[in-house]
Amino acid sequence: MSLHEIEDAVEDSIRLLDAARPTGDPGPRAWIAALYRYQDAHDCSFTRFRLMDVLLRRGFAYRFPLDRHPDYTERRAFLDGITGFTALREFDESAEDFAGYDSWLEDGYVDPPHLYCEAGTALWRRVVARGGLTGADAVAPARVPLIEAVAAVASAAEAKGDVSLIAFWYSLGAAELLDGSPWWACHPEELAEVPAIRELRGVVTRTRALDDADRPLDPLDHDDPDDPETWWFSGL
């Protein structure tokens, strides 16, 4: 699987969620955040601008004039001098607490002539503290497990007949979709009772999404009924 497939699946999933849910529904905002956490954990490109209109409409991203930056007065020359896409977080690789570049979006980014920040980030919190965002926009997205976002995507994809997107997500397997969730180490009997997993498996069964999809496991090598990964692909 190429990493472009992850980027494309996340983009398609967000568009589906946006189309399926009414304006004001907080679900897509949290699911978008979960989908991007998954994409950002892989060696993927920065693809937000493929669907920035959706991200702005759903309150995942916010766009301001440059002079709305909390440090505009002190950094005016720098900010006004930006001529292309620039992430604003600065890193000191020699610092003892340097932990890599995973937080590169925390201080927002500029795509002239606009300043952007994403809900829940450090810059977003500063804007909220100054009263620049209020109401629901001043509340961080609920942090939901990836599996809940994928279940919502699968439901929307079923309604649109997008079986290939359902197959893509389910074929990632239990370990991938449950990583970091409360259920990552659960026994199959417990997994079968998780609402998001039941919803997702129901969609896969009804659409026969795996009929033509690659299954990453060889049943001859994975025949332990207590193995979550074996259970994940059984009976479908």
Protein backbone atom coordinates (compact mmCIF):
# COMPACT_ATOMS: atom_id res chain seq x y z
CA MET A 1 0.00 0.00 0.00
CA SER A 2 1.43 3.38 -1.00
CA LEU A 3 1.15 6.35 1.32
CA HIS A 4 -0.76 8.17 -1.42
CA GLU A 5 -3.55 5.70 -0.74
CA ILE A 6 -3.76 6.93 2.85
CA GLU A 7 -3.87 10.55 1.72
CA ASP A 8 -6.56 9.84 -0.85
CA ALA A 9 -8.63 7.72 1.55
CA VAL A 10 -8.54 10.40 4.22
CA GLU A 11 -9.55 13.07 1.71
CA ASP A 12 -12.40 10.98 0.32
CA SER A 13 -13.54 10.07 3.84
CA ILE A 14 -13.69 13.69 4.99
CA ARG A 15 -15.67 14.71 1.92
CA LEU A 16 -18.15 11.91 2.57
CA LEU A 17 -18.56 12.83 6.22
CA ASP A 18 -19.11 16.46 5.34
CA ALA A 19 -21.77 15.59 2.77
CA ALA A 20 -23.51 13.09 5.05
CA ARG A 21 -23.84 15.20 8.19
CA PRO A 22 -25.83 18.42 8.65
CA THR A 23 -24.21 21.75 9.37
CA GLY A 24 -23.63 22.13 13.09
CA ASP A 25 -23.20 18.41 13.74
CA PRO A 26 -20.05 18.17 15.90
CA GLY A 27 -19.29 14.62 14.77
CA PRO A 28 -17.36 15.43 11.59
CA ARG A 29 -15.04 17.84 13.44
CA ALA A 30 -13.90 15.12 15.83
CA TRP A 31 -13.73 12.47 13.11
CA ILE A 32 -11.66 14.73 10.84
CA ALA A 33 -9.20 15.22 13.68
CA ALA A 34 -8.94 11.44 14.18
CA LEU A 35 -8.41 10.83 10.46
CA TYR A 36 -5.66 13.43 10.26
CA ARG A 37 -3.95 12.02 13.35
CA TYR A 38 -3.79 8.73 11.50
CA GLN A 39 -2.47 10.32 8.31
CA ASP A 40 0.05 12.46 10.18
CA ALA A 41 1.45 9.37 11.92
CA HIS A 42 2.58 8.11 8.50
CA ASP A 43 5.01 9.49 5.96
CA CYS A 44 2.32 11.41 4.11
CA SER A 45 2.29 14.82 2.50
CA PHE A 46 0.50 17.86 3.91
CA THR A 47 -2.83 17.68 2.10
CA ARG A 48 -5.10 20.05 4.03
CA PHE A 49 -5.50 22.44 1.12
CA ARG A 50 -7.13 19.74 -1.00
CA LEU A 51 -10.32 20.38 0.96
CA MET A 52 -9.70 23.49 3.03
CA ASP A 53 -13.23 24.66 2.29
CA VAL A 54 -14.55 21.64 4.21
CA LEU A 55 -12.08 22.05 7.07
CA LEU A 56 -13.06 25.70 7.52
CA ARG A 57 -16.77 24.96 7.32
CA ARG A 58 -16.51 22.16 9.88
CA GLY A 59 -14.43 24.15 12.38
CA PHE A 60 -11.36 21.96 12.11
CA ALA A 61 -9.28 24.78 10.63
CA TYR A 62 -9.56 28.55 11.02
CA ARG A 63 -8.35 31.27 8.67
CA PHE A 64 -7.45 34.83 9.66
CA PRO A 65 -5.72 37.88 8.25
CA LEU A 66 -2.05 37.89 9.23
CA ASP A 67 -2.54 40.81 11.60
CA ARG A 68 -4.75 38.58 13.77
CA HIS A 69 -1.68 36.61 14.87
CA PRO A 70 -1.15 37.19 18.62
CA ASP A 71 2.46 38.19 17.96
CA TYR A 72 1.84 40.29 14.88
CA THR A 73 3.09 43.53 16.41
CA GLU A 74 6.41 41.98 17.46
CA ARG A 75 6.83 39.83 14.32
CA ARG A 76 5.25 42.02 11.70
CA ALA A 77 8.27 42.17 9.41
CA PHE A 78 8.65 38.39 9.47
CA LEU A 79 4.98 37.60 8.97
CA ASP A 80 4.47 40.16 6.22
CA GLY A 81 7.60 38.90 4.49
CA ILE A 82 6.37 35.31 4.07
CA THR A 83 5.92 34.57 0.38
CA GLY A 84 4.91 30.89 0.41
CA PHE A 85 3.48 28.18 2.62
CA THR A 86 5.28 28.35 5.98
CA ALA A 87 4.68 26.49 9.24
CA LEU A 88 5.39 28.84 12.12
CA ARG A 89 6.71 26.49 14.80
CA GLU A 90 10.47 26.80 15.24
CA PHE A 91 12.64 23.90 16.38
CA ASP A 92 16.00 23.74 18.09
CA GLU A 93 17.50 20.39 17.16
CA SER A 94 20.29 20.90 19.70
CA ALA A 95 17.94 21.36 22.64
CA GLU A 96 17.87 18.59 25.23
CA ASP A 97 14.10 18.31 24.99
CA PHE A 98 13.98 18.22 21.18
CA ALA A 99 11.53 15.43 20.32
CA GLY A 100 11.26 15.65 16.57
CA TYR A 101 8.97 17.53 14.25
CA ASP A 102 5.60 15.96 15.00
CA SER A 103 4.31 19.23 16.50
CA TRP A 104 5.16 21.31 13.43
CA LEU A 105 1.56 22.55 13.01
CA GLU A 106 1.04 23.60 16.63
CA ASP A 107 1.88 27.28 16.04
CA GLY A 108 -0.17 27.53 12.86
CA TYR A 109 0.86 28.09 9.28
CA VAL A 110 0.76 30.82 6.69
CA ASP A 111 -0.33 30.52 3.11
CA PRO A 112 -0.18 34.16 2.00
CA PRO A 113 -2.15 36.24 2.57
CA HIS A 114 -3.78 34.12 5.28
CA LEU A 115 -2.91 32.72 8.68
CA TYR A 116 -4.32 29.29 9.58
CA CYS A 117 -4.60 27.33 12.79
CA GLU A 118 -6.24 24.01 13.57
CA ALA A 119 -8.61 23.37 16.45
CA GLY A 120 -6.85 22.20 19.58
CA THR A 121 -3.38 23.43 18.63
CA ALA A 122 -1.24 25.87 20.58
CA LEU A 123 -2.03 28.81 18.28
CA TRP A 124 -5.75 27.99 18.40
CA ARG A 125 -5.61 28.10 22.21
CA ARG A 126 -3.92 31.52 22.10
CA VAL A 127 -6.56 32.86 19.71
CA VAL A 128 -9.32 31.49 21.96
CA ALA A 129 -7.71 33.06 25.05
CA ARG A 130 -7.75 36.46 23.31
CA GLY A 131 -11.42 36.11 22.43
CA GLY A 132 -10.78 35.56 18.75
CA LEU A 133 -12.93 32.42 18.72
CA THR A 134 -16.03 31.88 20.83
CA GLY A 135 -18.84 29.40 21.37
CA ALA A 136 -18.39 25.96 19.83
CA ASP A 137 -15.30 27.21 17.98
CA ALA A 138 -13.60 27.82 21.33
CA VAL A 139 -14.04 24.17 22.38
CA ALA A 140 -11.44 21.63 21.28
CA PRO A 141 -12.69 18.71 19.18
CA ALA A 142 -13.56 15.62 21.18
CA ARG A 143 -10.71 13.14 20.93
CA VAL A 144 -12.26 9.99 19.49
CA PRO A 145 -10.57 6.71 18.52
CA LEU A 146 -9.84 6.17 14.85
CA ILE A 147 -12.22 3.19 14.76
CA GLU A 148 -15.16 5.48 15.56
CA ALA A 149 -14.26 7.80 12.69
CA VAL A 150 -13.84 4.84 10.33
CA ALA A 151 -17.24 3.43 11.33
CA ALA A 152 -18.84 6.77 10.51
CA VAL A 153 -16.99 6.88 7.18
CA ALA A 154 -18.13 3.35 6.34
CA SER A 155 -21.76 4.23 7.05
CA ALA A 156 -21.54 7.27 4.77
CA ALA A 157 -19.70 5.26 2.12
CA GLU A 158 -22.38 2.56 2.17
CA ALA A 159 -25.03 5.18 1.48
CA LYS A 160 -23.01 6.42 -1.50
CA GLY A 161 -22.07 2.97 -2.76
CA ASP A 162 -18.34 3.54 -2.25
CA VAL A 163 -17.42 -0.05 -1.46
CA SER A 164 -13.74 0.42 -2.26
CA LEU A 165 -13.35 3.00 0.52
CA ILE A 166 -15.00 0.64 3.00
CA ALA A 167 -12.64 -2.14 1.91
CA PHE A 168 -9.60 0.10 2.24
CA TRP A 169 -10.28 1.00 5.85
CA TYR A 170 -11.37 -2.43 7.02
CA SER A 171 -8.46 -4.15 5.30
CA LEU A 172 -6.02 -2.22 7.46
CA GLY A 173 -6.86 -4.74 10.17
CA ALA A 174 -7.56 -4.69 13.89
CA ALA A 175 -4.07 -3.76 15.06
CA GLU A 176 -3.97 -0.70 12.81
CA LEU A 177 -7.49 0.58 13.40
CA LEU A 178 -7.54 -0.08 17.15
CA ASP A 179 -4.04 1.19 17.94
CA GLY A 180 -4.23 3.70 20.78
CA SER A 181 -7.89 2.96 21.47
CA PRO A 182 -9.32 1.45 24.68
CA TRP A 183 -9.85 -1.82 22.81
CA TRP A 184 -6.42 -2.46 21.27
CA ALA A 185 -5.71 -5.43 23.57
CA CYS A 186 -9.23 -6.82 23.93
CA HIS A 187 -10.32 -10.38 23.29
CA PRO A 188 -12.48 -10.92 20.18
CA GLU A 189 -15.56 -11.51 22.35
CA GLU A 190 -15.12 -8.02 23.77
CA LEU A 191 -14.37 -6.50 20.37
CA ALA A 192 -17.60 -7.91 19.01
CA GLU A 193 -19.56 -5.79 21.53
CA VAL A 194 -17.88 -2.45 20.71
CA PRO A 195 -20.56 -0.35 18.94
CA ALA A 196 -18.19 1.17 16.37
CA ILE A 197 -16.76 -2.22 15.46
CA ARG A 198 -20.21 -3.79 15.21
CA GLU A 199 -21.33 -0.94 12.96
CA LEU A 200 -18.26 -1.26 10.75
CA ARG A 201 -18.51 -5.04 10.43
CA GLY A 202 -22.19 -4.72 9.61
CA VAL A 203 -21.38 -2.37 6.73
CA VAL A 204 -18.64 -4.68 5.47
CA THR A 205 -21.00 -7.67 5.59
CA ARG A 206 -23.88 -5.91 3.84
CA THR A 207 -21.72 -4.46 1.08
CA ARG A 208 -19.51 -7.56 0.69
CA ALA A 209 -16.68 -5.07 0.65
CA LEU A 210 -13.94 -7.65 1.15
CA ASP A 211 -15.01 -9.94 -1.68
CA ASP A 212 -12.51 -8.37 -4.07
CA ALA A 213 -10.16 -6.81 -1.53
CA ASP A 214 -6.73 -8.02 -0.49
CA ARG A 215 -6.78 -9.63 2.91
CA PRO A 216 -3.44 -9.14 4.66
CA LEU A 217 -3.63 -12.42 6.58
CA ASP A 218 -3.13 -15.94 5.36
CA PRO A 219 -5.72 -18.05 7.21
CA LEU A 220 -3.30 -20.97 7.30
CA ASP A 221 -0.88 -18.86 9.36
CA HIS A 222 -3.52 -17.23 11.54
CA ASP A 223 -5.97 -19.81 12.76
CA ASP A 224 -6.11 -18.87 16.47
CA PRO A 225 -9.74 -17.93 17.23
CA ASP A 226 -8.54 -15.87 20.21
CA ASP A 227 -6.35 -13.71 17.95
CA PRO A 228 -8.07 -10.33 17.29
CA GLU A 229 -6.58 -10.12 13.82
CA THR A 230 -7.88 -13.55 12.87
CA TRP A 231 -11.33 -12.69 14.23
CA TRP A 232 -11.29 -9.37 12.36
CA PHE A 233 -11.35 -11.11 8.99
CA SER A 234 -13.41 -14.16 9.91
CA GLY A 235 -16.98 -14.58 8.76
CA LEU A 236 -16.80 -11.75 6.23
